Each structure stands twice: as C-alpha cells, then as structure tokens.
Amino acid sequence: MQKSFLARENGAVHICGHRGHSIGAPENTLVAFRANHALGGTSIEIDTVLTADQQIVVIHDLTLERTTNGTGALKDKTAAEVALLDAGSWFSSAFAGERVPTLAETLALAHELDQVLEIEIKEKLHTEAYTQALKTALADPRDLGRVMMISFDHAHLKAVKAAIPGLRTGGIVHERYADPVAVARAANLDELCIDLSVFDPADAEALHAAGISIRCHAYKPENIAEMEREGLEPVKKLTEYLRAGLLDTISGDDVEWLSELVRRVTR
C-alpha cells in the first residue's frame, strides 16, 4: 500500500522528526526513531551513505568521528565494521551501545511503527553504486510505498527516479525561487522540502495546485527562539500555514514541540 505525502490525501499533516527525535536521542538511530513515534511523529527524515561493500547505512556524515566512536571515512568501512561502532555515547552515556542502523533495519522499523521515511542521499562519491543499492533495498513495493527520497542535488534525484520506477522524490531548497513549480518539474519532483525562513504561502498554493507536496523544516527550538527575537514570528507563521492547509509535512528536531503545535492548531 502506498502512503501519501499529501495532507489532503493523508487526512493529516505528517509530523517528521529530523534524524528522528534528535533533540532527545542520538540522531539517525533506532532509539531516536522510536522516540519520534512515541511523541506523535508519523514521518522520519534520515540520512544515508554507502559503505565500502556497497550497503546503505543511516548516518549523516561521510566520516565517523562526530556521531560514533569510530574514525575515518564510511567509504573505507564495511557494513559489518560500521555495525560494531557505538553511535550513542557521543550524545549521552544513557545511549551507550546504540548502533548505526542499516537502511534495511530502518525500513523494517518504519513498517513496525507505520511511519513514512524521507531518506536524504548524503552519498557524494559513488552515486551510481548508491542508486543500484537503493534499487535493491526498495525492491519490495511495500518499502517503496512509504519512501520519499530527498536531496539538495535535484539532478541526481531525477536520475535516481528514472532508475527506480514508482520512486517519489523531494528536492531540498534553502532559497526562494521565482517559479518553484518549474524547479520541481525540471527534476520531476513529487515534493519540495522548504526551510521555514524562505517559505512563501503563494508558492505553496502554486505547488499544491500542481500536485506537489510540501515539507516545511522548522529547525531546532533554539533557532525558533532566535527567529522570535528577530521579530520573524515563526510560530505565528507556522500556525497560519497549518490552518490554511499549506503544509503536508512539518519537520524539526523536537518532535514533542511539533506534535503539540499541530494538535493546538488542528484540534
């Protein structure tokens, strides 16, 4: 069964944990994904990289130092070697022993928790091998049906979509464009992932009219607080966008805060 990324079809706005509930658990780990679900999340944004033996693992960086006790580049490590690393202690000793999950493990958990996945392609070196590995990983239509592949590289997304029939893709944008519909159509995208700071209601209406879904990224709580101090009124704007039906997915690091915002606006 294919899961919808459009709120009008889904019946509700997706609440998406950025790398899981990453304010309360180590990013891109199964414990962060379970916390996302427990706090009301229905969608998980994850990052993916290819290992030396061409397995897709869920990690943001191309190197290991920031979020594991390993060293070096992912490209030089096998999936078995990555699986031995501690991906939780850097965040808190309470999460010691958490591992870097594979895409297959994350897909299995998404089925268990009935979540959709926004899977960002972080692989930069072996993009063709990544596409082949992804094709294998998403061979089951049940997996393909709950996935949106996302990237800053819209040209790569276009190629990946051409290689995997039925795949849905979303382009990440950190700038406002004169014609966002044209941007989406140029790469045959199904979604635009738009930062809150450049979100425009008229653009959102045009995208929805074209059948393109919208994920608005709302950052970390400290970023929201800073925007409030700057007079940008992010919470007021998010409230208006939600009430107007302009958002299909709202993402951020604090899933509890996102869930409460959506509940308050839509109840």
C-alpha atoms as a PDB file:
ATOM      1  CA  MET A   1       0.000   0.000   0.000  1.00  0.00           C
ATOM      2  CA  GLN A   2       1.375   3.409  -0.974  1.00  0.00           C
ATOM      3  CA  LYS A   3       1.440   6.015   1.778  1.00  0.00           C
ATOM      4  CA  SER A   4       0.535   9.553   0.801  1.00  0.00           C
ATOM      5  CA  PHE A   5       2.749  12.574   1.446  1.00  0.00           C
ATOM      6  CA  LEU A   6      -0.128  14.989   0.694  1.00  0.00           C
ATOM      7  CA  ALA A   7      -2.136  16.087   3.728  1.00  0.00           C
ATOM      8  CA  ARG A   8      -5.346  16.284   1.710  1.00  0.00           C
ATOM      9  CA  GLU A   9      -4.993  12.598   0.869  1.00  0.00           C
ATOM     10  CA  ASN A  10      -3.435  11.527   4.150  1.00  0.00           C
ATOM     11  CA  GLY A  11      -6.091  13.253   6.251  1.00  0.00           C
ATOM     12  CA  ALA A  12      -3.463  14.877   8.472  1.00  0.00           C
ATOM     13  CA  VAL A  13      -0.159  16.732   8.367  1.00  0.00           C
ATOM     14  CA  HIS A  14       2.848  14.449   8.782  1.00  0.00           C
ATOM     15  CA  ILE A  15       4.957  15.268  11.838  1.00  0.00           C
ATOM     16  CA  CYS A  16       8.544  14.470  10.892  1.00  0.00           C
ATOM     17  CA  GLY A  17      11.468  14.010  13.242  1.00  0.00           C
ATOM     18  CA  HIS A  18      14.657  15.398  11.700  1.00  0.00           C
ATOM     19  CA  ARG A  19      17.030  12.432  12.067  1.00  0.00           C
ATOM     20  CA  GLY A  20      14.395  11.134  14.485  1.00  0.00           C
ATOM     21  CA  HIS A  21      13.629  12.924  17.756  1.00  0.00           C
ATOM     22  CA  SER A  22      17.188  14.232  17.626  1.00  0.00           C
ATOM     23  CA  ILE A  23      16.842  16.694  20.474  1.00  0.00           C
ATOM     24  CA  GLY A  24      16.248  13.838  22.904  1.00  0.00           C
ATOM     25  CA  ALA A  25      18.194  10.921  21.432  1.00  0.00           C
ATOM     26  CA  PRO A  26      21.267  10.373  19.239  1.00  0.00           C
ATOM     27  CA  GLU A  27      20.446  11.314  15.662  1.00  0.00           C
ATOM     28  CA  ASN A  28      19.846   8.668  12.998  1.00  0.00           C
ATOM     29  CA  THR A  29      19.499   5.778  15.463  1.00  0.00           C
ATOM     30  CA  LEU A  30      16.638   3.370  16.053  1.00  0.00           C
ATOM     31  CA  VAL A  31      16.102   4.778  19.552  1.00  0.00           C
ATOM     32  CA  ALA A  32      15.620   8.265  18.054  1.00  0.00           C
ATOM     33  CA  PHE A  33      13.136   6.830  15.558  1.00  0.00           C
ATOM     34  CA  ARG A  34      11.168   5.066  18.317  1.00  0.00           C
ATOM     35  CA  ALA A  35      11.124   8.288  20.348  1.00  0.00           C
ATOM     36  CA  ASN A  36       9.779  10.102  17.284  1.00  0.00           C
ATOM     37  CA  HIS A  37       6.851   7.682  17.121  1.00  0.00           C
ATOM     38  CA  ALA A  38       6.220   7.800  20.884  1.00  0.00           C
ATOM     39  CA  LEU A  39       5.934  11.609  20.755  1.00  0.00           C
ATOM     40  CA  GLY A  40       3.465  11.680  17.874  1.00  0.00           C
ATOM     41  CA  GLY A  41       5.709  11.613  14.814  1.00  0.00           C
ATOM     42  CA  THR A  42       4.406   9.923  11.696  1.00  0.00           C
ATOM     43  CA  SER A  43       7.440  10.551   9.473  1.00  0.00           C
ATOM     44  CA  ILE A  44      11.200  10.272   9.911  1.00  0.00           C
ATOM     45  CA  GLU A  45      13.867  12.188   7.995  1.00  0.00           C
ATOM     46  CA  ILE A  46      17.068  10.147   7.787  1.00  0.00           C
ATOM     47  CA  ASP A  47      20.474  10.487   6.105  1.00  0.00           C
ATOM     48  CA  THR A  48      22.145   7.717   4.128  1.00  0.00           C
ATOM     49  CA  VAL A  49      25.661   6.865   2.956  1.00  0.00           C
ATOM     50  CA  LEU A  50      27.206   3.889   1.153  1.00  0.00           C
ATOM     51  CA  THR A  51      29.752   1.592   2.837  1.00  0.00           C
ATOM     52  CA  ALA A  52      32.813   0.013   1.211  1.00  0.00           C
ATOM     53  CA  ASP A  53      30.811  -3.131   0.446  1.00  0.00           C
ATOM     54  CA  GLN A  54      28.010  -1.046  -1.071  1.00  0.00           C
ATOM     55  CA  GLN A  55      25.498  -1.287   1.747  1.00  0.00           C
ATOM     56  CA  ILE A  56      23.360   1.724   2.644  1.00  0.00           C
ATOM     57  CA  VAL A  57      23.658   2.818   6.270  1.00  0.00           C
ATOM     58  CA  VAL A  58      21.864   5.593   8.133  1.00  0.00           C
ATOM     59  CA  ILE A  59      24.317   8.320   9.115  1.00  0.00           C
ATOM     60  CA  HIS A  60      24.679  11.994   8.248  1.00  0.00           C
ATOM     61  CA  ASP A  61      28.417  12.496   7.761  1.00  0.00           C
ATOM     62  CA  LEU A  62      30.798  10.862   5.305  1.00  0.00           C
ATOM     63  CA  THR A  63      33.170  10.393   8.243  1.00  0.00           C
ATOM     64  CA  LEU A  64      32.619   8.629  11.565  1.00  0.00           C
ATOM     65  CA  GLU A  65      34.099  10.886  14.230  1.00  0.00           C
ATOM     66  CA  ARG A  66      31.167  13.199  15.046  1.00  0.00           C
ATOM     67  CA  THR A  67      28.475  10.622  15.836  1.00  0.00           C
ATOM     68  CA  THR A  68      30.341   7.373  16.576  1.00  0.00           C
ATOM     69  CA  ASN A  69      33.426   6.114  18.385  1.00  0.00           C
ATOM     70  CA  GLY A  70      34.947   5.207  15.032  1.00  0.00           C
ATOM     71  CA  THR A  71      37.414   7.089  12.859  1.00  0.00           C
ATOM     72  CA  GLY A  72      37.865   7.539   9.146  1.00  0.00           C
ATOM     73  CA  ALA A  73      35.569   7.621   6.140  1.00  0.00           C
ATOM     74  CA  LEU A  74      32.486   5.495   5.553  1.00  0.00           C
ATOM     75  CA  LYS A  75      33.806   4.631   2.110  1.00  0.00           C
ATOM     76  CA  ASP A  76      36.603   2.623   3.751  1.00  0.00           C
ATOM     77  CA  LYS A  77      34.404   0.659   6.173  1.00  0.00           C
ATOM     78  CA  THR A  78      32.252  -2.392   5.530  1.00  0.00           C
ATOM     79  CA  ALA A  79      28.718  -2.554   6.875  1.00  0.00           C
ATOM     80  CA  ALA A  80      29.881  -5.185   9.373  1.00  0.00           C
ATOM     81  CA  GLU A  81      32.586  -2.845  10.666  1.00  0.00           C
ATOM     82  CA  VAL A  82      30.127   0.047  10.974  1.00  0.00           C
ATOM     83  CA  ALA A  83      27.713  -2.196  12.880  1.00  0.00           C
ATOM     84  CA  LEU A  84      30.290  -2.628  15.650  1.00  0.00           C
ATOM     85  CA  LEU A  85      30.524   1.089  16.376  1.00  0.00           C
ATOM     86  CA  ASP A  86      28.905   2.943  19.278  1.00  0.00           C
ATOM     87  CA  ALA A  87      26.627   5.646  17.869  1.00  0.00           C
ATOM     88  CA  GLY A  88      25.053   6.735  21.153  1.00  0.00           C
ATOM     89  CA  SER A  89      27.717   7.633  23.709  1.00  0.00           C
ATOM     90  CA  TRP A  90      28.633  10.909  21.973  1.00  0.00           C
ATOM     91  CA  PHE A  91      25.123  12.131  22.797  1.00  0.00           C
ATOM     92  CA  SER A  92      24.799  10.719  26.312  1.00  0.00           C
ATOM     93  CA  SER A  93      26.101   7.769  28.302  1.00  0.00           C
ATOM     94  CA  ALA A  94      22.457   6.701  28.622  1.00  0.00           C
ATOM     95  CA  PHE A  95      22.577   5.724  24.940  1.00  0.00           C
ATOM     96  CA  ALA A  96      25.856   3.824  25.019  1.00  0.00           C
ATOM     97  CA  GLY A  97      25.749   0.886  22.655  1.00  0.00           C
ATOM     98  CA  GLU A  98      23.312   2.360  20.139  1.00  0.00           C
ATOM     99  CA  ARG A  99      24.342   1.388  16.628  1.00  0.00           C
ATOM    100  CA  VAL A 100      24.362   2.916  13.162  1.00  0.00           C
ATOM    101  CA  PRO A 101      21.336   1.242  11.565  1.00  0.00           C
ATOM    102  CA  THR A 102      21.195  -0.028   8.029  1.00  0.00           C
ATOM    103  CA  LEU A 103      18.534   1.208   5.655  1.00  0.00           C
ATOM    104  CA  ALA A 104      17.000  -2.282   5.764  1.00  0.00           C
ATOM    105  CA  GLU A 105      16.697  -2.123   9.562  1.00  0.00           C
ATOM    106  CA  THR A 106      15.163   1.332   9.357  1.00  0.00           C
ATOM    107  CA  LEU A 107      12.631   0.217   6.746  1.00  0.00           C
ATOM    108  CA  ALA A 108      11.654  -2.711   8.971  1.00  0.00           C
ATOM    109  CA  LEU A 109      11.098  -0.345  11.901  1.00  0.00           C
ATOM    110  CA  ALA A 110       9.087   2.021   9.694  1.00  0.00           C
ATOM    111  CA  HIS A 111       6.719  -0.844   8.939  1.00  0.00           C
ATOM    112  CA  GLU A 112       6.511  -1.790  12.615  1.00  0.00           C
ATOM    113  CA  LEU A 113       5.678   1.778  13.683  1.00  0.00           C
ATOM    114  CA  ASP A 114       3.742   2.668  10.497  1.00  0.00           C
ATOM    115  CA  GLN A 115       5.998   5.599   9.655  1.00  0.00           C
ATOM    116  CA  VAL A 116       6.894   7.141   6.307  1.00  0.00           C
ATOM    117  CA  LEU A 117      10.516   7.924   5.539  1.00  0.00           C
ATOM    118  CA  GLU A 118      12.147  10.981   3.998  1.00  0.00           C
ATOM    119  CA  ILE A 119      15.511   9.493   3.013  1.00  0.00           C
ATOM    120  CA  GLU A 120      18.220  12.005   2.227  1.00  0.00           C
ATOM    121  CA  ILE A 121      21.033  10.940  -0.089  1.00  0.00           C
ATOM    122  CA  LYS A 122      24.297  12.045   1.516  1.00  0.00           C
ATOM    123  CA  GLU A 123      26.474   9.818  -0.668  1.00  0.00           C
ATOM    124  CA  LYS A 124      28.778  12.011  -2.789  1.00  0.00           C
ATOM    125  CA  LEU A 125      31.441   9.644  -4.132  1.00  0.00           C
ATOM    126  CA  HIS A 126      29.730   6.574  -5.568  1.00  0.00           C
ATOM    127  CA  THR A 127      26.327   7.808  -6.656  1.00  0.00           C
ATOM    128  CA  GLU A 128      25.732   5.139  -9.310  1.00  0.00           C
ATOM    129  CA  ALA A 129      26.565   2.357  -6.845  1.00  0.00           C
ATOM    130  CA  TYR A 130      24.263   4.026  -4.315  1.00  0.00           C
ATOM    131  CA  THR A 131      21.428   4.016  -6.859  1.00  0.00           C
ATOM    132  CA  GLN A 132      21.919   0.296  -7.524  1.00  0.00           C
ATOM    133  CA  ALA A 133      21.977  -0.458  -3.792  1.00  0.00           C
ATOM    134  CA  LEU A 134      18.820   1.616  -3.334  1.00  0.00           C
ATOM    135  CA  LYS A 135      17.102  -0.239  -6.152  1.00  0.00           C
ATOM    136  CA  THR A 136      17.764  -3.499  -4.311  1.00  0.00           C
ATOM    137  CA  ALA A 137      16.718  -2.062  -0.955  1.00  0.00           C
ATOM    138  CA  LEU A 138      13.392  -0.834  -2.335  1.00  0.00           C
ATOM    139  CA  ALA A 139      12.583  -3.886  -4.471  1.00  0.00           C
ATOM    140  CA  ASP A 140       9.561  -4.653  -2.254  1.00  0.00           C
ATOM    141  CA  PRO A 141       6.654  -2.348  -3.246  1.00  0.00           C
ATOM    142  CA  ARG A 142       5.677  -2.136   0.427  1.00  0.00           C
ATOM    143  CA  ASP A 143       9.004  -0.430   1.151  1.00  0.00           C
ATOM    144  CA  LEU A 144       8.868   1.767  -1.927  1.00  0.00           C
ATOM    145  CA  GLY A 145       5.372   2.876  -0.949  1.00  0.00           C
ATOM    146  CA  ARG A 146       6.429   4.578   2.272  1.00  0.00           C
ATOM    147  CA  VAL A 147       9.556   6.340   0.972  1.00  0.00           C
ATOM    148  CA  MET A 148      10.359   9.814  -0.324  1.00  0.00           C
ATOM    149  CA  MET A 149      13.969  10.155  -1.479  1.00  0.00           C
ATOM    150  CA  ILE A 150      15.305  13.682  -0.887  1.00  0.00           C
ATOM    151  CA  SER A 151      18.444  15.628  -1.738  1.00  0.00           C
ATOM    152  CA  PHE A 152      19.908  19.065  -2.424  1.00  0.00           C
ATOM    153  CA  ASP A 153      21.070  17.591  -5.750  1.00  0.00           C
ATOM    154  CA  HIS A 154      17.937  17.714  -7.885  1.00  0.00           C
ATOM    155  CA  ALA A 155      19.751  16.402 -10.959  1.00  0.00           C
ATOM    156  CA  HIS A 156      20.790  13.295  -9.053  1.00  0.00           C
ATOM    157  CA  LEU A 157      17.229  12.815  -7.800  1.00  0.00           C
ATOM    158  CA  LYS A 158      15.987  12.942 -11.389  1.00  0.00           C
ATOM    159  CA  ALA A 159      18.424  10.198 -12.359  1.00  0.00           C
ATOM    160  CA  VAL A 160      17.564   8.047  -9.339  1.00  0.00           C
ATOM    161  CA  LYS A 161      13.850   8.372 -10.066  1.00  0.00           C
ATOM    162  CA  ALA A 162      14.401   7.331 -13.681  1.00  0.00           C
ATOM    163  CA  ALA A 163      16.275   4.239 -12.489  1.00  0.00           C
ATOM    164  CA  ILE A 164      13.639   3.127  -9.953  1.00  0.00           C
ATOM    165  CA  PRO A 165      10.063   3.069 -11.322  1.00  0.00           C
ATOM    166  CA  GLY A 166       7.496   4.323  -8.829  1.00  0.00           C
ATOM    167  CA  LEU A 167      10.024   6.148  -6.657  1.00  0.00           C
ATOM    168  CA  ARG A 168       8.947   9.511  -5.239  1.00  0.00           C
ATOM    169  CA  THR A 169      11.498  12.296  -4.843  1.00  0.00           C
ATOM    170  CA  GLY A 170      11.718  15.590  -2.973  1.00  0.00           C
ATOM    171  CA  GLY A 171      14.121  18.435  -3.604  1.00  0.00           C
ATOM    172  CA  ILE A 172      15.545  20.331  -0.632  1.00  0.00           C
ATOM    173  CA  VAL A 173      15.591  24.105  -1.094  1.00  0.00           C
ATOM    174  CA  HIS A 174      17.129  26.741   1.177  1.00  0.00           C
ATOM    175  CA  GLU A 175      16.326  29.654  -1.119  1.00  0.00           C
ATOM    176  CA  ARG A 176      13.139  31.111  -2.578  1.00  0.00           C
ATOM    177  CA  TYR A 177      12.774  30.689  -6.339  1.00  0.00           C
ATOM    178  CA  ALA A 178      10.842  32.832  -8.810  1.00  0.00           C
ATOM    179  CA  ASP A 179       8.948  29.747 -10.021  1.00  0.00           C
ATOM    180  CA  PRO A 180       9.122  26.827  -7.559  1.00  0.00           C
ATOM    181  CA  VAL A 181       6.750  24.738  -9.672  1.00  0.00           C
ATOM    182  CA  ALA A 182       9.174  24.978 -12.592  1.00  0.00           C
ATOM    183  CA  VAL A 183      12.020  23.965 -10.264  1.00  0.00           C
ATOM    184  CA  ALA A 184      10.087  20.873  -9.176  1.00  0.00           C
ATOM    185  CA  ARG A 185       9.012  19.944 -12.679  1.00  0.00           C
ATOM    186  CA  ALA A 186      12.528  20.349 -14.087  1.00  0.00           C
ATOM    187  CA  ALA A 187      13.663  17.409 -11.936  1.00  0.00           C
ATOM    188  CA  ASN A 188      10.335  15.535 -11.990  1.00  0.00           C
ATOM    189  CA  LEU A 189       9.974  16.003  -8.228  1.00  0.00           C
ATOM    190  CA  ASP A 190       6.988  14.981  -6.129  1.00  0.00           C
ATOM    191  CA  GLU A 191       7.842  17.253  -3.196  1.00  0.00           C
ATOM    192  CA  LEU A 192       9.756  20.373  -2.264  1.00  0.00           C
ATOM    193  CA  CYS A 193      11.369  20.470   1.172  1.00  0.00           C
ATOM    194  CA  ILE A 194      11.356  24.169   2.047  1.00  0.00           C
ATOM    195  CA  ASP A 195      13.053  25.841   5.012  1.00  0.00           C
ATOM    196  CA  LEU A 196      10.710  27.926   7.160  1.00  0.00           C
ATOM    197  CA  SER A 197      12.834  31.039   6.590  1.00  0.00           C
ATOM    198  CA  VAL A 198      12.073  31.048   2.839  1.00  0.00           C
ATOM    199  CA  PHE A 199       8.552  29.594   2.913  1.00  0.00           C
ATOM    200  CA  ASP A 200       6.003  31.646   0.966  1.00  0.00           C
ATOM    201  CA  PRO A 201       2.219  30.979   1.047  1.00  0.00           C
ATOM    202  CA  ALA A 202       1.671  31.898  -2.605  1.00  0.00           C
ATOM    203  CA  ASP A 203       4.422  29.495  -3.645  1.00  0.00           C
ATOM    204  CA  ALA A 204       2.825  26.762  -1.523  1.00  0.00           C
ATOM    205  CA  GLU A 205      -0.557  27.297  -3.161  1.00  0.00           C
ATOM    206  CA  ALA A 206       1.033  27.037  -6.618  1.00  0.00           C
ATOM    207  CA  LEU A 207       2.860  23.836  -5.656  1.00  0.00           C
ATOM    208  CA  HIS A 208      -0.312  22.251  -4.301  1.00  0.00           C
ATOM    209  CA  ALA A 209      -2.212  23.222  -7.431  1.00  0.00           C
ATOM    210  CA  ALA A 210       0.459  21.333  -9.390  1.00  0.00           C
ATOM    211  CA  GLY A 211       0.068  18.259  -7.160  1.00  0.00           C
ATOM    212  CA  ILE A 212       3.438  18.725  -5.451  1.00  0.00           C
ATOM    213  CA  SER A 213       3.644  18.044  -1.716  1.00  0.00           C
ATOM    214  CA  ILE A 214       5.437  20.363   0.715  1.00  0.00           C
ATOM    215  CA  ARG A 215       7.624  19.666   3.727  1.00  0.00           C
ATOM    216  CA  CYS A 216       8.430  22.728   5.807  1.00  0.00           C
ATOM    217  CA  HIS A 217      11.502  22.388   8.003  1.00  0.00           C
ATOM    218  CA  ALA A 218      11.216  24.225  11.320  1.00  0.00           C
ATOM    219  CA  TYR A 219      14.698  23.677  12.800  1.00  0.00           C
ATOM    220  CA  LYS A 220      15.694  23.310  16.447  1.00  0.00           C
ATOM    221  CA  PRO A 221      13.931  25.059  19.362  1.00  0.00           C
ATOM    222  CA  GLU A 222      16.839  27.486  19.796  1.00  0.00           C
ATOM    223  CA  ASN A 223      16.531  28.510  16.149  1.00  0.00           C
ATOM    224  CA  ILE A 224      12.814  29.160  16.596  1.00  0.00           C
ATOM    225  CA  ALA A 225      13.579  31.219  19.715  1.00  0.00           C
ATOM    226  CA  GLU A 226      16.186  33.254  17.835  1.00  0.00           C
ATOM    227  CA  MET A 227      13.738  33.913  14.988  1.00  0.00           C
ATOM    228  CA  GLU A 228      11.195  35.139  17.547  1.00  0.00           C
ATOM    229  CA  ARG A 229      13.787  37.551  18.981  1.00  0.00           C
ATOM    230  CA  GLU A 230      14.470  38.791  15.464  1.00  0.00           C
ATOM    231  CA  GLY A 231      10.799  39.588  15.003  1.00  0.00           C
ATOM    232  CA  LEU A 232      10.251  36.947  12.289  1.00  0.00           C
ATOM    233  CA  GLU A 233       7.291  35.360  14.147  1.00  0.00           C
ATOM    234  CA  PRO A 234       7.951  31.738  13.169  1.00  0.00           C
ATOM    235  CA  VAL A 235       5.286  30.211  15.426  1.00  0.00           C
ATOM    236  CA  LYS A 236       2.625  32.617  14.177  1.00  0.00           C
ATOM    237  CA  LYS A 237       3.577  31.849  10.588  1.00  0.00           C
ATOM    238  CA  LEU A 238       3.580  28.082  11.117  1.00  0.00           C
ATOM    239  CA  THR A 239       0.165  28.376  12.751  1.00  0.00           C
ATOM    240  CA  GLU A 240      -1.169  30.327   9.777  1.00  0.00           C
ATOM    241  CA  TYR A 241       0.316  27.871   7.284  1.00  0.00           C
ATOM    242  CA  LEU A 242      -1.187  24.892   9.111  1.00  0.00           C
ATOM    243  CA  ARG A 243      -4.628  26.494   9.337  1.00  0.00           C
ATOM    244  CA  ALA A 244      -4.521  27.371   5.647  1.00  0.00           C
ATOM    245  CA  GLY A 245      -3.664  23.776   4.697  1.00  0.00           C
ATOM    246  CA  LEU A 246      -0.353  24.782   3.124  1.00  0.00           C
ATOM    247  CA  LEU A 247       1.806  22.146   4.853  1.00  0.00           C
ATOM    248  CA  ASP A 248       1.862  18.425   4.161  1.00  0.00           C
ATOM    249  CA  THR A 249       4.781  17.683   6.472  1.00  0.00           C
ATOM    250  CA  ILE A 250       6.350  19.742   9.236  1.00  0.00           C
ATOM    251  CA  SER A 251       9.799  18.666  10.377  1.00  0.00           C
ATOM    252  CA  GLY A 252      12.228  19.562  13.123  1.00  0.00           C
ATOM    253  CA  ASP A 253      14.441  18.211  15.885  1.00  0.00           C
ATOM    254  CA  ASP A 254      11.875  18.448  18.726  1.00  0.00           C
ATOM    255  CA  VAL A 255       9.010  16.117  17.795  1.00  0.00           C
ATOM    256  CA  GLU A 256       7.143  16.781  21.047  1.00  0.00           C
ATOM    257  CA  TRP A 257       7.032  20.506  20.248  1.00  0.00           C
ATOM    258  CA  LEU A 258       5.924  19.872  16.666  1.00  0.00           C
ATOM    259  CA  SER A 259       3.189  17.480  17.787  1.00  0.00           C
ATOM    260  CA  GLU A 260       1.835  19.966  20.323  1.00  0.00           C
ATOM    261  CA  LEU A 261       1.844  22.759  17.737  1.00  0.00           C
ATOM    262  CA  VAL A 262      -0.084  20.669  15.215  1.00  0.00           C
ATOM    263  CA  ARG A 263      -2.556  19.465  17.880  1.00  0.00           C
ATOM    264  CA  ARG A 264      -3.171  23.011  19.084  1.00  0.00           C
ATOM    265  CA  VAL A 265      -3.812  24.320  15.585  1.00  0.00           C
ATOM    266  CA  THR A 266      -5.844  21.446  14.130  1.00  0.00           C
ATOM    267  CA  ARG A 267      -7.950  20.270  17.089  1.00  0.00           C
END
